[in-house]
Amino acid sequence: MGGQRTVGIGMDYSQSSKAALRWTVDNVLDHGDTLVLIHVQSPKADVPQKKLWENTGSPLVPLDEFREVNISKQYRLSPDPEVLDILDTVSRAKNVKVVLKVYWGDPREKLCDAVDDLKLGSLVVGSRGLSMLKSCTIDWPSLQMWLGTPAHVRGQLLS
């Protein structure tokens, strides 16, 4: 089944999004899959690229380009060395294509947009500090209703 899936992960470099990335690498990604790191910036962000890509999000940025300082500065992102190490490892070990997509606006709405825009088969997000009990009580149908994602998308909420 590997090599045919596109997996998205909400990334803000928090501990929970890093845990979600590690979990995704260990439990979801197969050889040849595509991993999309989805960054959602504030709608108030003053970034020149926002004027070009505010409605559709940025073009997909390959991992090699994302490592370049000028690309990170263009989108006002500060790549975390731990995250870059994880991404480098999975791209080599599992031959996973890693790309970045930046959106501007409400994170909930933009993650939903990403599911449709990128034809995601899975979307993984961290719990953003929810306790284990709260994380367990949020089931996927409820999360789908909250996010507004299509029923065919598999999602994971990780603490």
C-alpha atoms as a PDB file:
ATOM      1  CA  MET A   1       0.000   0.000   0.000  1.00  0.00           C
ATOM      2  CA  GLY A   2       3.000   2.311   0.486  1.00  0.00           C
ATOM      3  CA  GLY A   3       3.985   4.988  -1.955  1.00  0.00           C
ATOM      4  CA  GLN A   4       0.462   6.036  -2.775  1.00  0.00           C
ATOM      5  CA  ARG A   5      -0.477   8.062   0.272  1.00  0.00           C
ATOM      6  CA  THR A   6      -0.176  11.703   1.197  1.00  0.00           C
ATOM      7  CA  VAL A   7      -0.035  12.309   4.932  1.00  0.00           C
ATOM      8  CA  GLY A   8      -0.378  15.776   6.432  1.00  0.00           C
ATOM      9  CA  ILE A   9       0.832  16.892   9.825  1.00  0.00           C
ATOM     10  CA  GLY A  10       0.035  20.177  11.539  1.00  0.00           C
ATOM     11  CA  MET A  11       3.367  21.636  12.597  1.00  0.00           C
ATOM     12  CA  ASP A  12       4.019  24.527  14.946  1.00  0.00           C
ATOM     13  CA  TYR A  13       7.182  23.108  16.573  1.00  0.00           C
ATOM     14  CA  SER A  14       5.438  22.623  19.918  1.00  0.00           C
ATOM     15  CA  GLN A  15       6.256  19.495  21.903  1.00  0.00           C
ATOM     16  CA  SER A  16       2.902  17.961  20.946  1.00  0.00           C
ATOM     17  CA  SER A  17       3.425  18.558  17.217  1.00  0.00           C
ATOM     18  CA  LYS A  18       6.927  17.066  17.462  1.00  0.00           C
ATOM     19  CA  ALA A  19       5.446  14.031  19.235  1.00  0.00           C
ATOM     20  CA  ALA A  20       2.839  13.792  16.481  1.00  0.00           C
ATOM     21  CA  LEU A  21       5.614  13.885  13.872  1.00  0.00           C
ATOM     22  CA  ARG A  22       7.563  11.111  15.606  1.00  0.00           C
ATOM     23  CA  TRP A  23       4.396   9.016  15.921  1.00  0.00           C
ATOM     24  CA  THR A  24       3.568   9.567  12.250  1.00  0.00           C
ATOM     25  CA  VAL A  25       7.050   8.517  11.162  1.00  0.00           C
ATOM     26  CA  ASP A  26       6.916   5.378  13.323  1.00  0.00           C
ATOM     27  CA  ASN A  27       3.301   4.326  12.754  1.00  0.00           C
ATOM     28  CA  VAL A  28       1.846   5.811   9.579  1.00  0.00           C
ATOM     29  CA  LEU A  29       4.447   6.445   6.888  1.00  0.00           C
ATOM     30  CA  ASP A  30       5.440   3.694   4.487  1.00  0.00           C
ATOM     31  CA  HIS A  31       8.159   3.550   1.865  1.00  0.00           C
ATOM     32  CA  GLY A  32       7.495   6.096  -0.883  1.00  0.00           C
ATOM     33  CA  ASP A  33       4.714   8.069   0.850  1.00  0.00           C
ATOM     34  CA  THR A  34       4.533  11.868   0.822  1.00  0.00           C
ATOM     35  CA  LEU A  35       4.609  13.833   4.076  1.00  0.00           C
ATOM     36  CA  VAL A  36       3.304  17.405   4.054  1.00  0.00           C
ATOM     37  CA  LEU A  37       4.218  19.648   6.986  1.00  0.00           C
ATOM     38  CA  ILE A  38       1.373  22.118   7.274  1.00  0.00           C
ATOM     39  CA  HIS A  39       2.160  25.455   8.894  1.00  0.00           C
ATOM     40  CA  VAL A  40      -0.658  27.892   9.585  1.00  0.00           C
ATOM     41  CA  GLN A  41       0.486  31.450  10.170  1.00  0.00           C
ATOM     42  CA  SER A  42      -1.555  34.208  11.741  1.00  0.00           C
ATOM     43  CA  PRO A  43      -3.806  36.090   9.323  1.00  0.00           C
ATOM     44  CA  LYS A  44      -2.122  39.236  10.674  1.00  0.00           C
ATOM     45  CA  ALA A  45       1.363  38.046   9.680  1.00  0.00           C
ATOM     46  CA  ASP A  46       3.191  40.624   7.596  1.00  0.00           C
ATOM     47  CA  VAL A  47       4.883  38.382   5.056  1.00  0.00           C
ATOM     48  CA  PRO A  48       5.257  39.391   1.386  1.00  0.00           C
ATOM     49  CA  GLN A  49       4.358  35.844   0.219  1.00  0.00           C
ATOM     50  CA  LYS A  50       1.031  36.125   2.026  1.00  0.00           C
ATOM     51  CA  LYS A  51      -0.167  38.617  -0.578  1.00  0.00           C
ATOM     52  CA  LEU A  52       0.525  36.085  -3.324  1.00  0.00           C
ATOM     53  CA  TRP A  53      -0.681  32.931  -1.609  1.00  0.00           C
ATOM     54  CA  GLU A  54      -3.179  33.988   1.085  1.00  0.00           C
ATOM     55  CA  ASN A  55      -6.154  32.216  -0.508  1.00  0.00           C
ATOM     56  CA  THR A  56      -4.449  29.018  -1.668  1.00  0.00           C
ATOM     57  CA  GLY A  57      -1.457  28.685   0.630  1.00  0.00           C
ATOM     58  CA  SER A  58       2.137  28.654  -0.485  1.00  0.00           C
ATOM     59  CA  PRO A  59       3.433  26.399  -3.222  1.00  0.00           C
ATOM     60  CA  LEU A  60       4.779  23.106  -1.921  1.00  0.00           C
ATOM     61  CA  VAL A  61       8.326  23.658  -0.671  1.00  0.00           C
ATOM     62  CA  PRO A  62      10.647  20.617  -0.850  1.00  0.00           C
ATOM     63  CA  LEU A  63      12.634  19.720   2.263  1.00  0.00           C
ATOM     64  CA  ASP A  64      15.951  20.702   0.633  1.00  0.00           C
ATOM     65  CA  GLU A  65      14.653  24.206  -0.097  1.00  0.00           C
ATOM     66  CA  PHE A  66      13.057  24.528   3.339  1.00  0.00           C
ATOM     67  CA  ARG A  67      16.501  24.050   4.894  1.00  0.00           C
ATOM     68  CA  GLU A  68      17.756  27.139   3.047  1.00  0.00           C
ATOM     69  CA  VAL A  69      17.788  30.205   5.260  1.00  0.00           C
ATOM     70  CA  ASN A  70      16.233  32.524   2.682  1.00  0.00           C
ATOM     71  CA  ILE A  71      13.174  30.274   2.191  1.00  0.00           C
ATOM     72  CA  SER A  72      12.598  30.034   5.941  1.00  0.00           C
ATOM     73  CA  LYS A  73      12.938  33.811   6.230  1.00  0.00           C
ATOM     74  CA  GLN A  74      10.529  34.383   3.343  1.00  0.00           C
ATOM     75  CA  TYR A  75       7.802  32.588   5.268  1.00  0.00           C
ATOM     76  CA  ARG A  76       9.082  33.745   8.697  1.00  0.00           C
ATOM     77  CA  LEU A  77       9.555  30.193   9.924  1.00  0.00           C
ATOM     78  CA  SER A  78      12.283  28.971  12.230  1.00  0.00           C
ATOM     79  CA  PRO A  79      12.852  25.303  11.440  1.00  0.00           C
ATOM     80  CA  ASP A  80      13.582  23.262  14.533  1.00  0.00           C
ATOM     81  CA  PRO A  81      16.801  21.199  14.280  1.00  0.00           C
ATOM     82  CA  GLU A  82      15.100  18.171  15.890  1.00  0.00           C
ATOM     83  CA  VAL A  83      12.269  18.301  13.339  1.00  0.00           C
ATOM     84  CA  LEU A  84      14.702  18.687  10.443  1.00  0.00           C
ATOM     85  CA  ASP A  85      16.675  15.691  11.718  1.00  0.00           C
ATOM     86  CA  ILE A  86      13.510  13.561  11.901  1.00  0.00           C
ATOM     87  CA  LEU A  87      12.506  14.644   8.394  1.00  0.00           C
ATOM     88  CA  ASP A  88      15.958  13.955   6.952  1.00  0.00           C
ATOM     89  CA  THR A  89      15.996  10.514   8.535  1.00  0.00           C
ATOM     90  CA  VAL A  90      12.552   9.492   7.282  1.00  0.00           C
ATOM     91  CA  SER A  91      13.221  10.842   3.790  1.00  0.00           C
ATOM     92  CA  ARG A  92      16.333   8.677   3.533  1.00  0.00           C
ATOM     93  CA  ALA A  93      15.226   5.588   5.474  1.00  0.00           C
ATOM     94  CA  LYS A  94      11.733   5.250   4.000  1.00  0.00           C
ATOM     95  CA  ASN A  95      12.220   7.228   0.790  1.00  0.00           C
ATOM     96  CA  VAL A  96       9.440   9.577   1.911  1.00  0.00           C
ATOM     97  CA  LYS A  97       8.979  12.764  -0.067  1.00  0.00           C
ATOM     98  CA  VAL A  98       8.813  15.642   2.430  1.00  0.00           C
ATOM     99  CA  VAL A  99       7.294  19.000   1.520  1.00  0.00           C
ATOM    100  CA  LEU A 100       6.089  22.069   3.391  1.00  0.00           C
ATOM    101  CA  LYS A 101       2.927  24.079   2.845  1.00  0.00           C
ATOM    102  CA  VAL A 102       2.175  27.400   4.556  1.00  0.00           C
ATOM    103  CA  TYR A 103      -1.313  28.791   5.007  1.00  0.00           C
ATOM    104  CA  TRP A 104      -2.448  32.067   6.577  1.00  0.00           C
ATOM    105  CA  GLY A 105      -5.618  32.279   8.633  1.00  0.00           C
ATOM    106  CA  ASP A 106      -7.576  30.313  11.217  1.00  0.00           C
ATOM    107  CA  PRO A 107      -5.760  27.010  11.878  1.00  0.00           C
ATOM    108  CA  ARG A 108      -8.977  24.975  12.036  1.00  0.00           C
ATOM    109  CA  GLU A 109     -10.204  26.283   8.692  1.00  0.00           C
ATOM    110  CA  LYS A 110      -6.824  26.022   7.006  1.00  0.00           C
ATOM    111  CA  LEU A 111      -6.250  22.427   8.159  1.00  0.00           C
ATOM    112  CA  CYS A 112      -9.623  21.583   6.625  1.00  0.00           C
ATOM    113  CA  ASP A 113      -8.599  23.380   3.426  1.00  0.00           C
ATOM    114  CA  ALA A 114      -5.361  21.380   3.399  1.00  0.00           C
ATOM    115  CA  VAL A 115      -7.264  18.077   3.511  1.00  0.00           C
ATOM    116  CA  ASP A 116      -9.061  18.986   0.292  1.00  0.00           C
ATOM    117  CA  ASP A 117      -6.276  20.934  -1.434  1.00  0.00           C
ATOM    118  CA  LEU A 118      -3.611  18.306  -0.859  1.00  0.00           C
ATOM    119  CA  LYS A 119      -5.861  15.233  -1.151  1.00  0.00           C
ATOM    120  CA  LEU A 120      -4.657  14.000   2.232  1.00  0.00           C
ATOM    121  CA  GLY A 121      -5.254  10.399   3.198  1.00  0.00           C
ATOM    122  CA  SER A 122      -4.377  11.152   6.834  1.00  0.00           C
ATOM    123  CA  LEU A 123      -4.052  14.276   8.932  1.00  0.00           C
ATOM    124  CA  VAL A 124      -2.146  14.112  12.219  1.00  0.00           C
ATOM    125  CA  VAL A 125      -2.138  16.927  14.767  1.00  0.00           C
ATOM    126  CA  GLY A 126      -0.804  17.218  18.294  1.00  0.00           C
ATOM    127  CA  SER A 127      -3.161  17.661  21.221  1.00  0.00           C
ATOM    128  CA  ARG A 128      -1.879  21.146  22.114  1.00  0.00           C
ATOM    129  CA  GLY A 129      -1.762  20.363  25.801  1.00  0.00           C
ATOM    130  CA  LEU A 130      -4.975  18.403  26.243  1.00  0.00           C
ATOM    131  CA  SER A 131      -4.672  15.876  29.015  1.00  0.00           C
ATOM    132  CA  MET A 132      -4.582  12.182  28.130  1.00  0.00           C
ATOM    133  CA  LEU A 133      -8.173  11.835  29.352  1.00  0.00           C
ATOM    134  CA  LYS A 134      -9.419  14.702  27.172  1.00  0.00           C
ATOM    135  CA  SER A 135      -7.461  13.383  24.193  1.00  0.00           C
ATOM    136  CA  CYS A 136      -9.040   9.961  24.609  1.00  0.00           C
ATOM    137  CA  THR A 137     -12.548  11.397  24.803  1.00  0.00           C
ATOM    138  CA  ILE A 138     -12.255  13.185  21.453  1.00  0.00           C
ATOM    139  CA  ASP A 139     -13.165  10.519  18.945  1.00  0.00           C
ATOM    140  CA  TRP A 140     -12.557  10.899  15.224  1.00  0.00           C
ATOM    141  CA  PRO A 141     -16.204  11.487  14.192  1.00  0.00           C
ATOM    142  CA  SER A 142     -16.361  14.339  16.705  1.00  0.00           C
ATOM    143  CA  LEU A 143     -13.049  15.716  15.505  1.00  0.00           C
ATOM    144  CA  GLN A 144     -14.227  15.470  11.888  1.00  0.00           C
ATOM    145  CA  MET A 145     -17.317  17.464  12.746  1.00  0.00           C
ATOM    146  CA  TRP A 146     -15.188  20.039  14.545  1.00  0.00           C
ATOM    147  CA  LEU A 147     -12.671  20.246  11.721  1.00  0.00           C
ATOM    148  CA  GLY A 148     -15.219  19.724   8.953  1.00  0.00           C
ATOM    149  CA  THR A 149     -13.034  17.125   7.233  1.00  0.00           C
ATOM    150  CA  PRO A 150     -14.434  14.585   4.768  1.00  0.00           C
ATOM    151  CA  ALA A 151     -15.302  11.130   6.066  1.00  0.00           C
ATOM    152  CA  HIS A 152     -12.661   9.412   3.886  1.00  0.00           C
ATOM    153  CA  VAL A 153      -9.785  11.095   5.733  1.00  0.00           C
ATOM    154  CA  ARG A 154      -8.244   9.228   8.647  1.00  0.00           C
ATOM    155  CA  GLY A 155      -7.110  11.466  11.463  1.00  0.00           C
ATOM    156  CA  GLN A 156      -5.131  11.171  14.649  1.00  0.00           C
ATOM    157  CA  LEU A 157      -5.059  13.449  17.668  1.00  0.00           C
ATOM    158  CA  LEU A 158      -1.974  12.805  19.747  1.00  0.00           C
ATOM    159  CA  SER A 159      -1.051  14.007  23.188  1.00  0.00           C
END
